[in-house]
C-alpha cells in the first residue's frame, strides 16, 4: 500500500513493535505525512524521541494518551488515515493477578479504538493479536480473543464508510521485552536455564517480519480477516542450547496459564480458514457468494477439513544453528548493549 501523504497512528507505539514499525515506515515511506506514536508512558516517549531525533522527519509526533480514554483517543485520531493498534497488557502472570486491569486495556480499550475510528475519518485499522488468543487458557489470551472478535465485528458497523478493520495474529516475537530470550540472557550468568517443560515448543517471528506483515495487510486485507503468518517453530530446549550450551537446563514445571504448544488456528476455525500463500486468513462467517468472491479476489484456497496450526505439529522447526544465527542478528544480549551505550555516554 502506498503511504504517500497519509497519516498513521500507532497505539502502544513505544513498545518493541512500535519502535520497529516507526523505523521501517520512515525508511521505506519518507513521504508519509504524519506518524503519531500514541502511548501513556512519558519516559518511553522521551527516550524514543531521542532515539529518532536524527531521522529528520518533520511528521513524527508523540501523543500522550491511554486507549482507556476514548475522548483523548478521538482527539488523537483527527486527520489520521491508518491506525495500528498495538497497545495491550501482555504479561500472562500480571493479567492473572490483575484481571480487570487487563480487561480495561485489552477489551474496553479495543472498543474505544473502534468507536473513535468510526467517529473520525480513519480508513484502515490493523489490530495486533497473539497466538494465545486461539483456544485461550489464560486471561490475557481470553481478552485478546475478545478484542479480535470486536475488530472483526466492527466491519458490520461501518455503514457506508471507507473503513476496514482487520487483525494480525502471530507468535512469540524474537527478543521482545518480557520474552524468553532476554530472560535466558539474564539467567546465563547463574549457569542455569529454568525450563518449564522439555517438550515445550513455540512459534517464532522477528520484529521485522511482524512489521512487514502489518504493512502487507494494509494493502491486501479486505476487512474482517484474522491474518496468520506461516512461521517456523522451535523447541525451548534447543533455544536454551543456542544461547549457551554449557548452562544446565533445569526443569521447573509449567506455569499457570501456559501451554506446552501454542496454537494460532484451531480445528474449529478450519471451515472459515483460507490459505493465501505466505499467510492464512480466518474469515468471518459469511454467505457463500462473499466467500467465493474472496477466494477469487485473493487467489486463495480453503484449508483441509479439521486443519489446525500449532507449534508442536509444525513441519518446520528451527535447528540450534539457525536459532543461533537469528539470535545474533535480531536480539544480542541487551546487557552488553546497555554497557556500550553507557560507555559512549561517558566518552562523550
Protein backbone atom coordinates (compact mmCIF):
# COMPACT_ATOMS: atom_id res chain seq x y z
CA UNK A 1 0.00 0.00 0.00
CA UNK A 2 1.33 3.44 -0.91
CA UNK A 3 1.58 5.60 2.20
CA UNK A 4 2.46 8.87 0.46
CA UNK A 5 0.77 11.84 2.16
CA UNK A 6 -1.08 9.56 4.59
CA UNK A 7 -1.12 9.85 8.38
CA UNK A 8 -0.65 6.83 10.66
CA UNK A 9 -1.17 6.47 14.41
CA UNK A 10 0.29 3.57 16.40
CA UNK A 11 -1.23 2.82 19.80
CA UNK A 12 1.32 1.44 22.23
CA UNK A 13 3.86 2.94 19.87
CA UNK A 14 6.78 2.99 22.32
CA UNK A 15 6.85 -0.82 22.61
CA UNK A 16 9.14 -3.18 20.71
CA UNK A 17 6.77 -3.40 17.75
CA UNK A 18 6.10 0.34 17.67
CA UNK A 19 9.77 1.24 17.53
CA UNK A 20 10.46 -1.17 14.67
CA UNK A 21 7.30 -0.05 12.85
CA UNK A 22 8.31 3.61 13.06
CA UNK A 23 11.87 2.84 11.94
CA UNK A 24 10.62 0.80 8.97
CA UNK A 25 7.97 3.27 7.82
CA UNK A 26 10.30 6.27 8.00
CA UNK A 27 12.89 4.36 5.96
CA UNK A 28 10.57 2.93 3.31
CA UNK A 29 7.98 5.73 3.14
CA UNK A 30 9.76 9.04 3.79
CA UNK A 31 6.93 10.88 2.00
CA UNK A 32 4.41 9.94 4.71
CA UNK A 33 2.60 12.98 6.09
CA UNK A 34 2.46 12.11 9.80
CA UNK A 35 3.43 9.21 12.01
CA UNK A 36 1.96 9.53 15.51
CA UNK A 37 3.21 7.49 18.46
CA UNK A 38 0.34 7.19 20.95
CA UNK A 39 1.17 5.81 24.40
CA UNK A 40 0.83 6.59 28.09
CA UNK A 41 4.46 6.46 29.27
CA UNK A 42 6.18 9.86 29.00
CA UNK A 43 9.63 8.44 29.78
CA UNK A 44 9.44 5.90 26.97
CA UNK A 45 8.21 8.63 24.64
CA UNK A 46 11.14 10.86 25.63
CA UNK A 47 13.63 8.04 25.08
CA UNK A 48 12.09 7.17 21.72
CA UNK A 49 12.09 10.82 20.65
CA UNK A 50 15.81 10.95 21.45
CA UNK A 51 16.40 7.73 19.52
CA UNK A 52 14.71 9.15 16.41
CA UNK A 53 15.91 12.73 16.81
CA UNK A 54 18.29 12.40 13.87
CA UNK A 55 15.79 10.94 11.43
CA UNK A 56 14.90 14.40 10.16
CA UNK A 57 11.24 13.59 9.51
CA UNK A 58 9.04 16.53 10.47
CA UNK A 59 5.89 14.41 10.62
CA UNK A 60 6.94 12.23 13.57
CA UNK A 61 4.75 13.09 16.56
CA UNK A 62 4.42 11.83 20.13
CA UNK A 63 0.98 11.91 21.74
CA UNK A 64 0.47 11.06 25.42
CA UNK A 65 -2.74 9.12 25.92
CA UNK A 66 -4.33 5.85 27.01
CA UNK A 67 -6.63 3.62 24.95
CA UNK A 68 -8.85 3.52 28.03
CA UNK A 69 -9.56 7.24 27.48
CA UNK A 70 -11.84 7.44 24.45
CA UNK A 71 -12.13 11.28 24.26
CA UNK A 72 -8.35 11.59 24.23
CA UNK A 73 -8.10 8.82 21.63
CA UNK A 74 -10.68 10.52 19.41
CA UNK A 75 -8.77 13.79 19.60
CA UNK A 76 -5.54 11.99 18.64
CA UNK A 77 -7.23 10.46 15.58
CA UNK A 78 -8.15 13.76 13.99
CA UNK A 79 -6.67 13.73 10.48
CA UNK A 80 -5.43 10.12 10.81
CA UNK A 81 -5.90 7.72 7.87
CA UNK A 82 -4.49 4.47 9.32
CA UNK A 83 -4.46 3.07 12.86
CA UNK A 84 -2.16 0.27 14.02
CA UNK A 85 -3.45 -0.95 17.38
CA UNK A 86 -0.53 -2.45 19.33
CA UNK A 87 -1.39 -1.28 22.86
CA UNK A 88 -2.08 -4.14 25.29
CA UNK A 89 -1.27 -5.56 28.69
CA UNK A 90 0.63 -8.68 27.62
CA UNK A 91 2.21 -10.39 30.63
CA UNK A 92 0.32 -13.58 31.49
CA UNK A 93 1.08 -13.58 35.27
CA UNK A 94 0.21 -9.86 35.51
CA UNK A 95 -3.12 -10.46 33.80
CA UNK A 96 -3.93 -13.39 36.10
CA UNK A 97 -3.26 -11.28 39.19
CA UNK A 98 -4.89 -8.08 37.87
CA UNK A 99 -7.67 -9.43 35.64
CA UNK A 100 -9.91 -6.40 35.29
CA UNK A 101 -6.98 -4.08 34.58
CA UNK A 102 -6.18 -6.35 31.65
CA UNK A 103 -9.82 -6.26 30.54
CA UNK A 104 -9.88 -2.44 30.72
CA UNK A 105 -6.94 -2.14 28.34
CA UNK A 106 -7.31 -5.15 26.06
CA UNK A 107 -11.10 -5.29 25.71
CA UNK A 108 -12.55 -1.91 26.62
CA UNK A 109 -9.53 -0.21 25.06
CA UNK A 110 -10.12 -2.15 21.82
CA UNK A 111 -13.75 -1.00 21.74
CA UNK A 112 -12.60 2.59 22.34
CA UNK A 113 -10.29 2.33 19.33
CA UNK A 114 -13.18 1.05 17.22
CA UNK A 115 -15.60 3.75 18.36
CA UNK A 116 -13.05 6.52 17.81
CA UNK A 117 -12.22 5.23 14.33
CA UNK A 118 -15.91 5.16 13.45
CA UNK A 119 -16.26 8.76 14.68
CA UNK A 120 -13.31 10.12 12.68
CA UNK A 121 -12.03 9.76 9.10
CA UNK A 122 -9.83 6.68 9.64
CA UNK A 123 -9.81 4.33 6.64
CA UNK A 124 -7.74 1.32 7.70
CA UNK A 125 -7.30 -0.35 11.09
CA UNK A 126 -4.97 -3.28 11.84
CA UNK A 127 -5.06 -4.72 15.36
CA UNK A 128 -2.24 -6.90 16.67
CA UNK A 129 -3.22 -10.18 18.28
CA UNK A 130 -1.38 -13.19 19.71
CA UNK A 131 -1.27 -16.96 19.39
CA UNK A 132 -2.59 -17.06 22.97
CA UNK A 133 -5.97 -15.87 21.62
CA UNK A 134 -6.52 -19.26 19.93
CA UNK A 135 -8.28 -21.62 22.38
CA UNK A 136 -7.15 -19.43 25.30
CA UNK A 137 -6.43 -20.93 28.72
CA UNK A 138 -5.32 -17.70 30.43
CA UNK A 139 -6.93 -14.30 30.90
CA UNK A 140 -4.53 -12.50 28.59
CA UNK A 141 -5.42 -14.86 25.73
CA UNK A 142 -9.14 -14.55 26.53
CA UNK A 143 -9.00 -10.75 26.40
CA UNK A 144 -7.17 -10.82 23.08
CA UNK A 145 -9.70 -13.27 21.64
CA UNK A 146 -12.43 -10.86 22.74
CA UNK A 147 -10.50 -7.99 21.15
CA UNK A 148 -10.17 -9.97 17.89
CA UNK A 149 -13.93 -10.57 17.84
CA UNK A 150 -14.61 -6.87 18.41
CA UNK A 151 -12.41 -5.78 15.50
CA UNK A 152 -13.87 -8.40 13.15
CA UNK A 153 -17.44 -7.41 14.09
CA UNK A 154 -16.62 -3.70 13.70
CA UNK A 155 -16.82 -4.20 9.93
CA UNK A 156 -20.58 -4.70 10.39
CA UNK A 157 -20.91 -1.23 11.93
CA UNK A 158 -19.01 0.88 9.42
CA UNK A 159 -22.03 1.57 7.22
CA UNK A 160 -21.02 3.41 4.05
CA UNK A 161 -17.65 4.48 5.43
CA UNK A 162 -14.49 3.61 3.51
CA UNK A 163 -13.17 1.78 6.57
CA UNK A 164 -11.71 -1.71 7.03
CA UNK A 165 -10.84 -3.46 10.28
CA UNK A 166 -8.54 -6.48 10.26
CA UNK A 167 -6.43 -8.43 12.76
CA UNK A 168 -2.89 -9.79 12.56
CA UNK A 169 -2.15 -12.76 14.84
CA UNK A 170 1.35 -14.13 15.33
CA UNK A 171 3.53 -15.97 17.82
CA UNK A 172 6.38 -15.04 20.12
CA UNK A 173 8.42 -12.10 18.84
CA UNK A 174 12.10 -12.90 18.98
CA UNK A 175 13.86 -10.76 21.58
CA UNK A 176 10.88 -8.57 22.51
CA UNK A 177 10.63 -7.22 26.04
CA UNK A 178 9.48 -9.85 28.53
CA UNK A 179 10.08 -12.75 26.12
CA UNK A 180 12.15 -15.86 26.78
CA UNK A 181 15.38 -14.86 25.01
CA UNK A 182 16.12 -11.76 27.14
CA UNK A 183 15.14 -13.84 30.17
CA UNK A 184 17.63 -16.56 29.26
CA UNK A 185 20.32 -13.92 28.73
CA UNK A 186 19.71 -12.77 32.31
CA UNK A 187 19.82 -16.35 33.61
CA UNK A 188 23.03 -17.23 31.79
CA UNK A 189 25.33 -15.78 34.46
CA UNK A 190 23.80 -18.15 37.03
CA UNK A 191 24.66 -21.14 34.82
CA UNK A 192 21.07 -22.42 34.93
CA UNK A 193 18.22 -22.07 32.44
CA UNK A 194 14.83 -22.79 34.05
CA UNK A 195 12.85 -24.97 31.61
CA UNK A 196 9.14 -25.29 32.32
CA UNK A 197 8.72 -28.45 30.22
CA UNK A 198 11.28 -30.10 27.90
CA UNK A 199 8.54 -30.82 25.32
CA UNK A 200 7.55 -27.14 25.04
CA UNK A 201 7.52 -25.54 21.58
CA UNK A 202 6.79 -22.04 20.35
CA UNK A 203 6.30 -20.25 17.05
CA UNK A 204 8.99 -17.75 16.13
CA UNK A 205 8.76 -14.41 14.34
CA UNK A 206 11.16 -11.48 14.20
CA UNK A 207 10.04 -7.93 14.82
CA UNK A 208 10.76 -7.05 11.21
CA UNK A 209 8.60 -9.91 9.97
CA UNK A 210 5.77 -8.71 12.20
CA UNK A 211 6.06 -5.17 10.86
CA UNK A 212 6.24 -6.41 7.26
CA UNK A 213 3.07 -8.44 7.78
CA UNK A 214 1.18 -5.44 9.15
CA UNK A 215 2.28 -3.33 6.18
CA UNK A 216 1.22 -6.14 3.82
CA UNK A 217 -2.20 -6.32 5.46
CA UNK A 218 -2.78 -2.59 4.91
CA UNK A 219 -2.77 -3.14 1.18
CA UNK A 220 -4.28 -6.62 0.99
CA UNK A 221 -6.80 -7.19 3.80
CA UNK A 222 -10.41 -6.74 2.71
CA UNK A 223 -11.70 -6.31 6.26
CA UNK A 224 -12.81 -8.91 8.82
CA UNK A 225 -9.87 -11.30 8.46
CA UNK A 226 -7.66 -12.60 11.22
CA UNK A 227 -4.37 -12.96 9.33
CA UNK A 228 -1.86 -15.57 10.49
CA UNK A 229 1.70 -15.91 9.13
CA UNK A 230 3.33 -19.20 8.26
CA UNK A 231 6.16 -19.42 10.80
CA UNK A 232 8.81 -21.89 11.96
CA UNK A 233 8.71 -23.36 15.45
CA UNK A 234 11.45 -24.05 17.96
CA UNK A 235 11.88 -26.32 20.96
CA UNK A 236 12.58 -24.48 24.19
CA UNK A 237 15.48 -26.85 24.92
CA UNK A 238 17.04 -26.02 21.52
CA UNK A 239 16.68 -22.32 22.26
CA UNK A 240 18.50 -22.75 25.56
CA UNK A 241 21.28 -24.69 23.80
CA UNK A 242 21.56 -21.98 21.15
CA UNK A 243 22.08 -19.26 23.79
CA UNK A 244 24.57 -21.22 25.90
CA UNK A 245 25.06 -24.99 25.55
CA UNK A 246 27.14 -25.04 28.76
CA UNK A 247 24.27 -23.94 31.01
CA UNK A 248 22.28 -26.50 32.97
CA UNK A 249 18.68 -26.91 31.77
CA UNK A 250 16.71 -27.36 34.98
CA UNK A 251 13.09 -28.49 34.71
CA UNK A 252 10.92 -26.28 36.95
CA UNK A 253 7.38 -27.21 35.85
CA UNK A 254 4.81 -25.47 33.72
CA UNK A 255 3.37 -22.18 34.96
CA UNK A 256 -0.36 -21.43 35.37
CA UNK A 257 -1.93 -20.33 32.11
CA UNK A 258 0.89 -21.75 29.98
CA UNK A 259 0.59 -24.27 27.13
CA UNK A 260 3.05 -26.94 26.03
CA UNK A 261 2.39 -25.99 22.39
CA UNK A 262 0.93 -22.74 21.11
CA UNK A 263 -1.90 -22.61 18.59
CA UNK A 264 -2.72 -19.94 16.05
CA UNK A 265 -5.55 -21.67 14.19
CA UNK A 266 -7.74 -24.29 15.87
CA UNK A 267 -9.59 -27.09 14.09
CA UNK A 268 -12.83 -25.23 14.88
CA UNK A 269 -11.55 -22.35 12.72
CA UNK A 270 -10.78 -24.61 9.74
CA UNK A 271 -14.15 -24.22 7.94
CA UNK A 272 -13.53 -20.45 7.74
CA UNK A 273 -9.78 -20.50 7.07
CA UNK A 274 -8.09 -19.95 3.72
CA UNK A 275 -4.51 -20.27 2.52
CA UNK A 276 -3.14 -17.05 1.00
CA UNK A 277 0.36 -18.36 0.24
CA UNK A 278 2.60 -16.74 2.84
CA UNK A 279 -0.30 -16.31 5.26
CA UNK A 280 -3.52 -17.89 6.42
CA UNK A 281 -6.71 -15.90 6.93
CA UNK A 282 -9.51 -16.82 9.33
CA UNK A 283 -12.57 -15.28 7.72
CA UNK A 284 -15.75 -14.11 9.44
CA UNK A 285 -18.85 -16.25 8.88
CA UNK A 286 -20.30 -15.14 5.56
CA UNK A 287 -22.63 -16.12 2.73
CA UNK A 288 -21.26 -18.43 0.01
CA UNK A 289 -21.13 -15.65 -2.57
CA UNK A 290 -18.92 -13.43 -0.36
CA UNK A 291 -16.58 -16.38 0.26
CA UNK A 292 -16.43 -17.21 -3.45
CA UNK A 293 -15.59 -13.58 -4.27
CA UNK A 294 -12.91 -13.51 -1.56
CA UNK A 295 -11.24 -16.70 -2.80
CA UNK A 296 -11.19 -15.38 -6.37
CA UNK A 297 -10.05 -11.86 -5.47
CA UNK A 298 -7.26 -13.05 -3.13
CA UNK A 299 -6.24 -16.09 -5.20
CA UNK A 300 -6.81 -18.17 -2.08
CA UNK A 301 -7.92 -21.73 -1.35
CA UNK A 302 -9.68 -23.34 1.57
CA UNK A 303 -7.56 -25.30 4.06
CA UNK A 304 -8.34 -29.04 4.55
CA UNK A 305 -11.18 -30.01 6.93
CA UNK A 306 -10.07 -30.28 10.58
CA UNK A 307 -6.91 -28.29 9.76
CA UNK A 308 -5.13 -26.81 12.79
CA UNK A 309 -1.93 -24.84 13.13
CA UNK A 310 0.06 -25.37 16.31
CA UNK A 311 3.73 -25.08 17.14
CA UNK A 312 4.15 -28.73 18.09
CA UNK A 313 2.83 -30.17 14.80
CA UNK A 314 4.54 -27.58 12.60
CA UNK A 315 6.53 -29.20 9.75
CA UNK A 316 9.23 -26.51 10.00
CA UNK A 317 11.42 -26.44 13.14
CA UNK A 318 14.45 -24.22 13.60
CA UNK A 319 17.72 -26.01 14.35
CA UNK A 320 20.10 -24.89 17.08
CA UNK A 321 22.41 -23.40 14.43
CA UNK A 322 19.51 -21.48 12.84
CA UNK A 323 18.45 -20.18 16.25
CA UNK A 324 22.00 -19.03 16.99
CA UNK A 325 22.10 -17.10 13.72
CA UNK A 326 18.71 -15.48 14.34
CA UNK A 327 19.64 -14.55 17.91
CA UNK A 328 22.89 -12.92 16.80
CA UNK A 329 21.05 -10.97 14.10
CA UNK A 330 17.91 -9.91 15.95
CA UNK A 331 18.47 -9.99 19.70
CA UNK A 332 22.02 -9.58 21.01
CA UNK A 333 22.49 -9.58 24.78
CA UNK A 334 20.86 -6.37 25.99
CA UNK A 335 23.17 -6.10 28.98
CA UNK A 336 26.07 -5.70 26.54
CA UNK A 337 24.09 -3.10 24.58
CA UNK A 338 23.39 -1.15 27.76
CA UNK A 339 27.06 -1.21 28.77
CA UNK A 340 28.08 0.01 25.32
CA UNK A 341 25.58 2.88 25.49
CA UNK A 342 26.83 3.80 28.95
CA UNK A 343 30.43 3.75 27.70
CA UNK A 344 29.53 6.03 24.78
CA UNK A 345 27.82 8.49 27.14
CA UNK A 346 30.89 8.58 29.40
CA UNK A 347 33.19 9.01 26.40
CA UNK A 348 31.04 11.89 25.14
